[in-house]
Amino acid sequence: MDRSGDLMRIKGLVRACTATLAALGTIGLISLAMPSMATTTCPLAATQARVVSLSTPAAPEDRTCLVDVRGIGTGRALYDVRPRADYLAFHVTGAQHATVAELSRLLRDRQENVVLYDGGKFRSDAFLLCKRLRDEGLRNFRIIDGGIAAWAQVQARPERVALSRLSDADIAAALSDPVSVAVPLGEGFAPVFAEHRIRMAAKGATGRRILIANASTPTARLESSMDGKSGPTLVWTGDPDRLVALIHAHLRQDQKRVAGPVQSTACSAL
């Protein structure tokens, strides 16, 4: 038996496999190092096709769960599912406090529909709560669209501005929502909206209004802009430079979710 010949053939196969694997590894490294070729632009409007985190899928938009705060009437059981400390600080007149787990048990013992609300300012918050309860087989409830902030606005309560405030973490996402319209109440904001293609409120425009104010905007002006007639209104207070920084941070986060970090020549924010 020619053992030396077999050994040479085996060595040749090993060298060939090693070369092939090295070539494939080089190609893989090149592809990983190349930046994404997807076009990235600065306008916030480009993010309006919502990016959904794979770890937190969006709840289905079941509008049958919602009820307009002006249509809840009287005599219906009303539940506040916010943290108890928030409930004790301020709540809708006649509302009882319950955790979501407690509410699940309560609803199983009732035949009629109840009305409930949480502290969420976005419709997506209501949809998440709706899905959680529907997944437990519950149907006899409606959720106030806009939460407690919507009720405070309709009732012209003095707490309405505080309950309707958006945090820095929420403002860019709120402005990128296709149903939102921005209302500038301070100087310097209109150019920011134009540059980032943010839809501004105009006569006859529909959508959830977001008041953009600066620190010097009188509270009375904010209150007068929350009449409750055109649906829930949200408010953010800051300055134009801060708003631009938050928009750019939002764009970077969306870019990372879609394609990972890249360098963009089209937008200095990325």
Protein backbone atom coordinates (compact mmCIF):
# COMPACT_ATOMS: atom_id res chain seq x y z
CA MET A 1 0.00 0.00 0.00
CA ASP A 2 1.36 3.42 -1.02
CA ARG A 3 0.96 5.26 2.29
CA SER A 4 3.18 8.17 1.19
CA GLY A 5 0.91 8.82 -1.82
CA ASP A 6 -2.21 8.81 0.32
CA LEU A 7 -0.57 11.22 2.76
CA MET A 8 0.31 13.62 -0.05
CA ARG A 9 -3.24 13.58 -1.39
CA ILE A 10 -4.64 14.28 2.10
CA LYS A 11 -2.26 17.20 2.56
CA GLY A 12 -3.32 18.58 -0.81
CA LEU A 13 -7.00 18.43 0.14
CA VAL A 14 -6.29 20.17 3.45
CA ARG A 15 -4.42 22.99 1.67
CA ALA A 16 -7.29 23.43 -0.80
CA CYS A 17 -9.92 23.56 1.94
CA THR A 18 -7.84 26.03 3.96
CA ALA A 19 -7.50 28.34 0.97
CA THR A 20 -11.23 28.19 0.28
CA LEU A 21 -12.14 28.97 3.87
CA ALA A 22 -9.68 31.85 3.95
CA ALA A 23 -11.22 33.32 0.81
CA LEU A 24 -14.72 33.03 2.23
CA GLY A 25 -13.60 34.62 5.48
CA THR A 26 -12.07 37.54 3.59
CA ILE A 27 -15.27 38.07 1.65
CA GLY A 28 -17.29 37.98 4.88
CA LEU A 29 -15.02 40.54 6.53
CA ILE A 30 -15.25 42.83 3.52
CA SER A 31 -19.04 42.64 3.51
CA LEU A 32 -19.20 43.37 7.24
CA ALA A 33 -16.88 46.34 6.91
CA MET A 34 -18.80 47.94 4.04
CA PRO A 35 -21.32 50.58 5.12
CA SER A 36 -24.95 50.24 4.23
CA MET A 37 -25.77 51.67 0.80
CA ALA A 38 -29.29 52.64 1.91
CA THR A 39 -29.92 56.34 1.46
CA THR A 40 -30.24 58.22 4.74
CA THR A 41 -31.60 61.72 4.81
CA CYS A 42 -31.99 64.25 7.60
CA PRO A 43 -35.76 64.84 7.34
CA LEU A 44 -37.61 63.35 10.27
CA ALA A 45 -40.41 62.62 7.81
CA ALA A 46 -38.22 59.83 6.40
CA THR A 47 -38.79 57.90 9.63
CA GLN A 48 -42.56 58.06 9.40
CA ALA A 49 -42.64 54.52 8.04
CA ARG A 50 -42.39 53.27 11.60
CA VAL A 51 -39.55 50.96 12.58
CA VAL A 52 -40.72 48.35 15.06
CA SER A 53 -38.29 46.72 17.47
CA LEU A 54 -38.24 42.96 17.02
CA SER A 55 -38.13 42.53 20.79
CA THR A 56 -41.28 44.61 21.33
CA PRO A 57 -43.74 44.01 18.49
CA ALA A 58 -46.39 46.66 18.00
CA ALA A 59 -49.88 45.84 19.19
CA PRO A 60 -52.57 45.64 16.50
CA GLU A 61 -54.53 48.87 16.04
CA ASP A 62 -57.86 47.67 17.37
CA ARG A 63 -59.87 50.90 17.37
CA THR A 64 -62.91 49.11 18.77
CA CYS A 65 -61.08 49.24 22.11
CA LEU A 66 -61.10 53.04 22.18
CA VAL A 67 -63.70 55.48 23.39
CA ASP A 68 -63.67 59.25 23.03
CA VAL A 69 -63.52 60.85 26.46
CA ARG A 70 -66.49 63.05 25.51
CA GLY A 71 -68.61 59.97 24.95
CA ILE A 72 -68.11 58.02 28.15
CA GLY A 73 -71.27 59.44 29.74
CA THR A 74 -72.17 58.82 33.36
CA GLY A 75 -73.05 55.78 35.41
CA ARG A 76 -70.38 53.52 33.91
CA ALA A 77 -67.74 51.84 36.05
CA LEU A 78 -64.43 53.65 35.58
CA TYR A 79 -60.98 52.28 36.44
CA ASP A 80 -57.56 53.95 36.67
CA VAL A 81 -54.73 51.48 35.95
CA ARG A 82 -51.83 53.85 36.54
CA PRO A 83 -49.50 53.38 39.53
CA ARG A 84 -51.35 53.97 42.79
CA ALA A 85 -49.23 57.03 43.64
CA ASP A 86 -50.36 58.71 40.41
CA TYR A 87 -53.97 57.80 41.16
CA LEU A 88 -53.77 59.32 44.64
CA ALA A 89 -52.20 62.51 43.26
CA PHE A 90 -54.95 63.03 40.66
CA HIS A 91 -57.61 60.91 39.01
CA VAL A 92 -60.82 61.12 37.02
CA THR A 93 -63.81 61.87 39.23
CA GLY A 94 -65.47 58.63 40.28
CA ALA A 95 -62.65 56.37 39.06
CA GLN A 96 -61.48 53.40 41.13
CA HIS A 97 -57.89 52.24 41.17
CA ALA A 98 -56.92 48.77 39.95
CA THR A 99 -53.80 47.11 38.63
CA VAL A 100 -54.07 45.37 35.27
CA ALA A 101 -53.94 42.01 37.05
CA GLU A 102 -56.77 43.05 39.40
CA LEU A 103 -58.74 44.44 36.48
CA SER A 104 -58.54 41.10 34.69
CA ARG A 105 -60.26 39.42 37.63
CA LEU A 106 -62.83 42.20 38.03
CA LEU A 107 -63.87 42.13 34.38
CA ARG A 108 -64.56 38.40 34.47
CA ASP A 109 -67.29 39.03 37.05
CA ARG A 110 -69.05 41.80 35.10
CA GLN A 111 -71.39 41.68 32.15
CA GLU A 112 -71.50 45.38 31.20
CA ASN A 113 -68.68 47.33 29.60
CA VAL A 114 -66.39 49.34 31.86
CA VAL A 115 -64.20 52.31 30.95
CA LEU A 116 -60.56 52.45 31.89
CA TYR A 117 -57.55 54.67 31.32
CA ASP A 118 -53.82 54.73 31.93
CA GLY A 119 -51.12 57.38 31.82
CA GLY A 120 -50.14 56.72 28.20
CA LYS A 121 -50.19 59.75 25.91
CA PHE A 122 -50.02 57.80 22.64
CA ARG A 123 -52.70 55.73 21.00
CA SER A 124 -50.16 52.89 20.78
CA ASP A 125 -50.18 52.75 24.61
CA ALA A 126 -53.92 52.10 24.56
CA PHE A 127 -53.50 49.44 21.87
CA LEU A 128 -50.90 47.63 24.02
CA LEU A 129 -53.23 47.64 27.02
CA CYS A 130 -56.10 46.48 24.82
CA LYS A 131 -54.05 43.58 23.44
CA ARG A 132 -53.01 42.48 26.91
CA LEU A 133 -56.62 42.30 28.09
CA ARG A 134 -57.93 40.80 24.85
CA ASP A 135 -55.24 38.10 25.02
CA GLU A 136 -56.80 37.09 28.36
CA GLY A 137 -60.16 36.67 26.65
CA LEU A 138 -61.70 39.93 27.91
CA ARG A 139 -63.98 42.05 25.73
CA ASN A 140 -66.17 44.10 28.10
CA PHE A 141 -64.07 47.25 28.32
CA ARG A 142 -63.21 50.45 26.50
CA ILE A 143 -60.06 52.55 26.89
CA ILE A 144 -60.14 56.34 26.89
CA ASP A 145 -58.31 57.61 23.82
CA GLY A 146 -55.57 59.91 25.14
CA GLY A 147 -55.77 58.66 28.70
CA ILE A 148 -56.20 60.90 31.70
CA ALA A 149 -54.65 63.86 29.83
CA ALA A 150 -57.59 63.84 27.40
CA TRP A 151 -60.08 63.92 30.28
CA ALA A 152 -58.24 66.78 32.01
CA GLN A 153 -58.32 68.81 28.78
CA VAL A 154 -62.04 68.29 28.17
CA GLN A 155 -62.78 69.23 31.78
CA ALA A 156 -60.41 72.24 31.60
CA ARG A 157 -58.67 71.05 34.74
CA PRO A 158 -55.63 73.06 35.91
CA GLU A 159 -53.55 69.85 35.79
CA ARG A 160 -54.09 69.46 32.05
CA VAL A 161 -50.76 70.97 30.97
CA ALA A 162 -48.69 68.86 33.36
CA LEU A 163 -50.54 65.67 32.38
CA SER A 164 -50.03 66.40 28.66
CA ARG A 165 -46.28 67.05 28.72
CA LEU A 166 -44.01 65.00 26.52
CA SER A 167 -40.54 64.12 27.75
CA ASP A 168 -37.38 64.63 25.71
CA ALA A 169 -37.39 60.89 25.10
CA ASP A 170 -40.86 61.05 23.48
CA ILE A 171 -40.93 64.24 21.42
CA ALA A 172 -39.10 63.11 18.26
CA ALA A 173 -41.13 59.89 18.01
CA ALA A 174 -44.32 61.89 18.54
CA LEU A 175 -43.43 64.34 15.75
CA SER A 176 -42.56 61.49 13.37
CA ASP A 177 -45.99 59.93 13.83
CA PRO A 178 -47.95 60.49 10.59
CA VAL A 179 -51.08 61.48 12.53
CA SER A 180 -49.31 64.28 14.44
CA VAL A 181 -49.33 67.96 13.55
CA ALA A 182 -46.95 70.42 15.21
CA VAL A 183 -48.01 73.81 16.56
CA PRO A 184 -45.07 76.18 17.16
CA LEU A 185 -45.71 78.50 20.09
CA GLY A 186 -42.20 79.87 20.41
CA GLU A 187 -39.66 81.58 18.19
CA GLY A 188 -37.24 79.56 16.10
CA PHE A 189 -39.26 76.36 15.81
CA ALA A 190 -40.87 76.88 12.40
CA PRO A 191 -37.50 76.65 10.52
CA VAL A 192 -36.77 73.38 12.35
CA PHE A 193 -40.10 71.96 11.20
CA ALA A 194 -39.44 73.05 7.62
CA GLU A 195 -35.92 71.59 7.54
CA HIS A 196 -37.04 68.23 8.91
CA ARG A 197 -40.34 68.14 6.99
CA ILE A 198 -42.46 68.00 10.10
CA ARG A 199 -46.15 68.53 9.36
CA MET A 200 -47.43 71.75 10.88
CA ALA A 201 -51.01 72.43 11.89
CA ALA A 202 -52.96 74.47 9.36
CA LYS A 203 -56.56 75.51 9.05
CA GLY A 204 -58.66 72.41 8.63
CA ALA A 205 -55.74 70.07 9.37
CA THR A 206 -56.55 66.89 11.26
CA GLY A 207 -54.36 64.89 13.59
CA ARG A 208 -53.09 64.90 17.13
CA ARG A 209 -51.72 68.35 17.87
CA ILE A 210 -48.35 68.78 19.56
CA LEU A 211 -47.66 72.20 21.03
CA ILE A 212 -43.97 73.11 20.78
CA ALA A 213 -43.17 75.86 23.26
CA ASN A 214 -40.17 77.44 24.91
CA ALA A 215 -39.62 78.17 28.59
CA SER A 216 -41.03 81.69 28.27
CA THR A 217 -44.36 80.58 26.79
CA PRO A 218 -47.06 81.51 29.33
CA THR A 219 -48.95 78.61 30.87
CA ALA A 220 -52.19 80.43 30.05
CA ARG A 221 -51.36 80.22 26.35
CA LEU A 222 -50.77 76.49 26.61
CA GLU A 223 -54.04 76.03 28.48
CA SER A 224 -56.00 78.03 25.92
CA SER A 225 -54.62 75.78 23.17
CA MET A 226 -56.03 72.69 24.90
CA ASP A 227 -59.75 73.09 24.39
CA GLY A 228 -60.41 69.35 24.12
CA LYS A 229 -62.58 69.89 21.04
CA SER A 230 -60.10 68.62 18.46
CA GLY A 231 -58.91 65.58 20.39
CA PRO A 232 -56.04 65.18 22.85
CA THR A 233 -53.25 67.75 22.58
CA LEU A 234 -49.69 67.14 23.77
CA VAL A 235 -47.04 69.70 24.72
CA TRP A 236 -43.25 69.82 24.77
CA THR A 237 -41.17 72.67 26.16
CA GLY A 238 -37.58 73.38 25.14
CA ASP A 239 -35.54 75.36 22.63
CA PRO A 240 -34.91 74.86 18.90
CA ASP A 241 -31.34 73.60 19.37
CA ARG A 242 -32.52 71.01 21.88
CA LEU A 243 -35.27 69.88 19.54
CA VAL A 244 -32.82 69.43 16.66
CA ALA A 245 -30.50 67.39 18.89
CA LEU A 246 -33.39 65.13 19.94
CA ILE A 247 -34.51 64.65 16.32
CA HIS A 248 -30.99 63.66 15.29
CA ALA A 249 -30.72 61.24 18.21
CA HIS A 250 -34.01 59.68 17.11
CA LEU A 251 -32.71 59.32 13.55
CA ARG A 252 -29.56 57.61 14.81
CA GLN A 253 -31.57 55.14 16.85
CA ASP A 254 -33.79 54.28 13.88
CA GLN A 255 -30.71 53.83 11.68
CA LYS A 256 -29.17 51.43 14.18
CA ARG A 257 -32.36 49.39 14.36
CA VAL A 258 -32.58 49.14 10.59
CA ALA A 259 -29.01 48.63 9.42
CA GLY A 260 -26.61 49.12 12.28
CA PRO A 261 -24.34 52.15 12.75
CA VAL A 262 -23.11 53.75 9.52
CA GLN A 263 -21.47 56.96 8.40
CA SER A 264 -23.63 59.12 6.18
CA THR A 265 -22.49 61.90 3.89
CA ALA A 266 -26.12 62.96 3.46
CA CYS A 267 -26.86 63.72 7.09
CA SER A 268 -24.42 65.03 9.65
CA ALA A 269 -26.56 63.51 12.41
CA LEU A 270 -25.54 59.98 11.39
